[in-house]
Amino acid sequence: MTDESSHPPSPTPATAGPVILVDDRQSLPVDIEQLRRLALVCLTGEDRLDAELSVSLVTDEEIAGLHERFMGEPGPTDVLSFGLDDEDRRDPSAPPLLGDVVIAPETAARNARENGSDPAGELQLLLAHGILHLLGYDHESDADRADMWARQERYSGVRTP
């Protein structure tokens, strides 16, 4: 017999909504449910009720390896987003895979200390930022940056300098 309370049911088509999976592979305390709620707010606000999102909280070492491998840049970073190609998904009834947002809480905490900001707020800002990248937003031009920053501030409640 399994404990139903420890495993929330998966959304069904009748109760469709974003699916948010969180994998915490690091040791700093993080409010996982707060991040899950923020991801839901972002996806709902962007009208992506059908999406499945993975959020990975990792060590500085792990994100440094990903940063080098995929961006060609040494050292840790605070957040990376990896979009997924959903064309080969075997279960057509499952929600579309949006991708994975990878966050290094240790780097985020260091950045928060340097900026005089709240570490929990920094994590919220990074999650909103990563999700928006997966949804196709970028900050290459001034206009795109202004739009993306306004959205991430609206969702996270954290102002970006």
Protein backbone atom coordinates (compact mmCIF):
# COMPACT_ATOMS: atom_id res chain seq x y z
CA MET A 1 0.00 0.00 0.00
CA THR A 2 1.38 3.43 -0.92
CA ASP A 3 0.92 6.72 0.85
CA GLU A 4 -1.17 8.76 -1.60
CA SER A 5 -0.34 12.04 0.17
CA SER A 6 3.34 11.81 -0.73
CA HIS A 7 2.66 11.38 -4.44
CA PRO A 8 0.25 13.97 -5.85
CA PRO A 9 -1.78 12.70 -8.77
CA SER A 10 -0.67 13.61 -12.28
CA PRO A 11 -2.91 16.04 -14.14
CA THR A 12 -5.39 14.41 -16.45
CA PRO A 13 -6.85 16.03 -19.57
CA ALA A 14 -9.95 16.99 -17.53
CA THR A 15 -7.77 18.85 -14.99
CA ALA A 16 -5.11 20.00 -17.41
CA GLY A 17 -2.49 22.38 -16.19
CA PRO A 18 1.26 22.79 -16.22
CA VAL A 19 3.30 19.92 -14.83
CA ILE A 20 6.30 21.16 -12.85
CA LEU A 21 8.96 18.68 -11.78
CA VAL A 22 11.66 19.81 -9.33
CA ASP A 23 14.90 17.91 -8.72
CA ASP A 24 17.02 19.30 -5.85
CA ARG A 25 20.57 17.95 -6.19
CA GLN A 26 22.36 20.43 -3.91
CA SER A 27 22.59 21.05 -0.16
CA LEU A 28 21.42 24.64 0.48
CA PRO A 29 17.91 25.01 1.92
CA VAL A 30 15.45 26.06 -0.80
CA ASP A 31 11.69 26.57 -0.62
CA ILE A 32 10.75 24.09 -3.34
CA GLU A 33 7.01 24.74 -3.07
CA GLN A 34 7.53 28.48 -3.47
CA LEU A 35 9.50 27.84 -6.67
CA ARG A 36 6.87 25.39 -7.90
CA ARG A 37 4.14 28.01 -7.31
CA LEU A 38 6.18 30.65 -9.16
CA ALA A 39 6.67 28.32 -12.12
CA LEU A 40 2.92 27.75 -12.20
CA VAL A 41 2.30 31.52 -12.13
CA CYS A 42 4.77 32.08 -15.00
CA LEU A 43 3.37 29.33 -17.19
CA THR A 44 -0.23 30.31 -16.48
CA GLY A 45 0.56 33.98 -17.11
CA GLU A 46 2.09 33.07 -20.46
CA ASP A 47 -0.92 30.88 -21.34
CA ARG A 48 1.10 27.65 -21.30
CA LEU A 49 -1.31 25.49 -19.34
CA ASP A 50 -0.30 22.48 -21.42
CA ALA A 51 3.44 22.52 -20.61
CA GLU A 52 5.68 20.21 -18.63
CA LEU A 53 8.68 21.93 -17.04
CA SER A 54 11.66 20.50 -15.23
CA VAL A 55 13.53 22.59 -12.67
CA SER A 56 16.89 21.31 -11.45
CA LEU A 57 18.68 22.82 -8.48
CA VAL A 58 22.34 21.86 -8.74
CA THR A 59 25.77 22.43 -7.21
CA ASP A 60 28.22 24.99 -8.53
CA GLU A 61 30.35 22.12 -9.84
CA GLU A 62 27.48 20.63 -11.83
CA ILE A 63 26.41 23.93 -13.38
CA ALA A 64 30.06 24.80 -14.17
CA GLY A 65 30.29 21.57 -16.17
CA LEU A 66 27.07 22.37 -18.04
CA HIS A 67 28.19 25.97 -18.61
CA GLU A 68 31.47 24.77 -20.15
CA ARG A 69 29.88 21.98 -22.19
CA PHE A 70 26.94 23.88 -23.65
CA MET A 71 28.02 27.52 -23.59
CA GLY A 72 31.78 27.11 -23.96
CA GLU A 73 32.34 29.35 -20.92
CA PRO A 74 34.32 28.34 -17.82
CA GLY A 75 33.06 28.49 -14.26
CA PRO A 76 29.66 28.36 -12.66
CA THR A 77 26.73 30.51 -13.70
CA ASP A 78 23.47 31.10 -11.89
CA VAL A 79 20.91 29.77 -14.40
CA LEU A 80 20.79 27.85 -17.68
CA SER A 81 17.75 26.94 -19.77
CA PHE A 82 17.57 23.91 -22.03
CA GLY A 83 14.63 23.70 -24.41
CA LEU A 84 13.51 20.24 -25.45
CA ASP A 85 12.45 18.98 -28.82
CA ASP A 86 9.09 17.33 -28.21
CA GLU A 87 8.62 15.79 -31.67
CA ASP A 88 9.72 12.29 -30.66
CA ARG A 89 7.64 12.07 -27.49
CA ARG A 90 6.09 8.63 -27.27
CA ASP A 91 2.97 9.47 -25.26
CA PRO A 92 0.91 11.94 -27.32
CA SER A 93 -1.49 12.46 -24.40
CA ALA A 94 1.28 13.79 -22.14
CA PRO A 95 1.79 17.55 -21.90
CA PRO A 96 4.39 19.06 -24.25
CA LEU A 97 7.87 19.17 -22.77
CA LEU A 98 8.97 22.77 -22.45
CA GLY A 99 12.45 22.11 -21.15
CA ASP A 100 14.69 22.28 -18.12
CA VAL A 101 15.70 25.30 -16.05
CA VAL A 102 18.92 24.58 -14.16
CA ILE A 103 19.71 26.85 -11.22
CA ALA A 104 22.75 26.91 -8.93
CA PRO A 105 21.50 28.19 -5.54
CA GLU A 106 25.08 28.62 -4.29
CA THR A 107 25.92 31.00 -7.15
CA ALA A 108 22.55 32.72 -6.74
CA ALA A 109 23.25 33.28 -3.01
CA ARG A 110 26.69 34.68 -3.80
CA ASN A 111 25.18 37.04 -6.39
CA ALA A 112 22.50 38.12 -3.90
CA ARG A 113 25.15 38.95 -1.29
CA GLU A 114 27.11 41.00 -3.85
CA ASN A 115 23.96 42.87 -4.96
CA GLY A 116 22.56 43.30 -1.45
CA SER A 117 19.44 41.36 -2.42
CA ASP A 118 17.48 38.51 -0.88
CA PRO A 119 18.75 34.99 -1.81
CA ALA A 120 15.18 33.60 -2.03
CA GLY A 121 14.18 36.50 -4.28
CA GLU A 122 17.24 35.87 -6.43
CA LEU A 123 16.12 32.25 -6.95
CA GLN A 124 12.64 33.44 -7.91
CA LEU A 125 14.06 35.92 -10.41
CA LEU A 126 16.33 33.27 -11.94
CA LEU A 127 13.48 30.78 -12.27
CA ALA A 128 11.23 33.33 -13.99
CA HIS A 129 14.16 34.33 -16.23
CA GLY A 130 14.88 30.73 -17.20
CA ILE A 131 11.23 29.94 -17.93
CA LEU A 132 10.88 33.03 -20.13
CA HIS A 133 13.94 31.92 -22.14
CA LEU A 134 12.26 28.54 -22.70
CA LEU A 135 9.16 30.38 -23.93
CA GLY A 136 11.22 32.20 -26.56
CA TYR A 137 12.02 35.50 -24.85
CA ASP A 138 15.53 36.90 -24.98
CA HIS A 139 17.38 40.07 -24.08
CA GLU A 140 19.54 40.66 -27.14
CA SER A 141 18.01 44.03 -28.04
CA ASP A 142 17.03 46.86 -25.69
CA ALA A 143 13.34 46.40 -26.55
CA ASP A 144 13.48 42.63 -25.99
CA ARG A 145 15.33 43.15 -22.72
CA ALA A 146 12.76 45.66 -21.48
CA ASP A 147 9.92 43.25 -22.30
CA MET A 148 11.62 40.24 -20.71
CA TRP A 149 12.66 42.17 -17.58
CA ALA A 150 9.12 43.53 -17.13
CA ARG A 151 7.69 40.01 -17.38
CA GLN A 152 10.19 38.42 -15.00
CA GLU A 153 9.67 41.23 -12.48
CA ARG A 154 5.88 40.87 -12.74
CA TYR A 155 6.01 37.12 -12.16
CA SER A 156 8.76 37.00 -9.53
CA GLY A 157 7.98 40.23 -7.71
CA VAL A 158 11.71 40.98 -7.78
CA ARG A 159 13.10 44.08 -9.45
CA THR A 160 16.01 43.64 -11.84
CA PRO A 161 18.72 46.29 -11.93
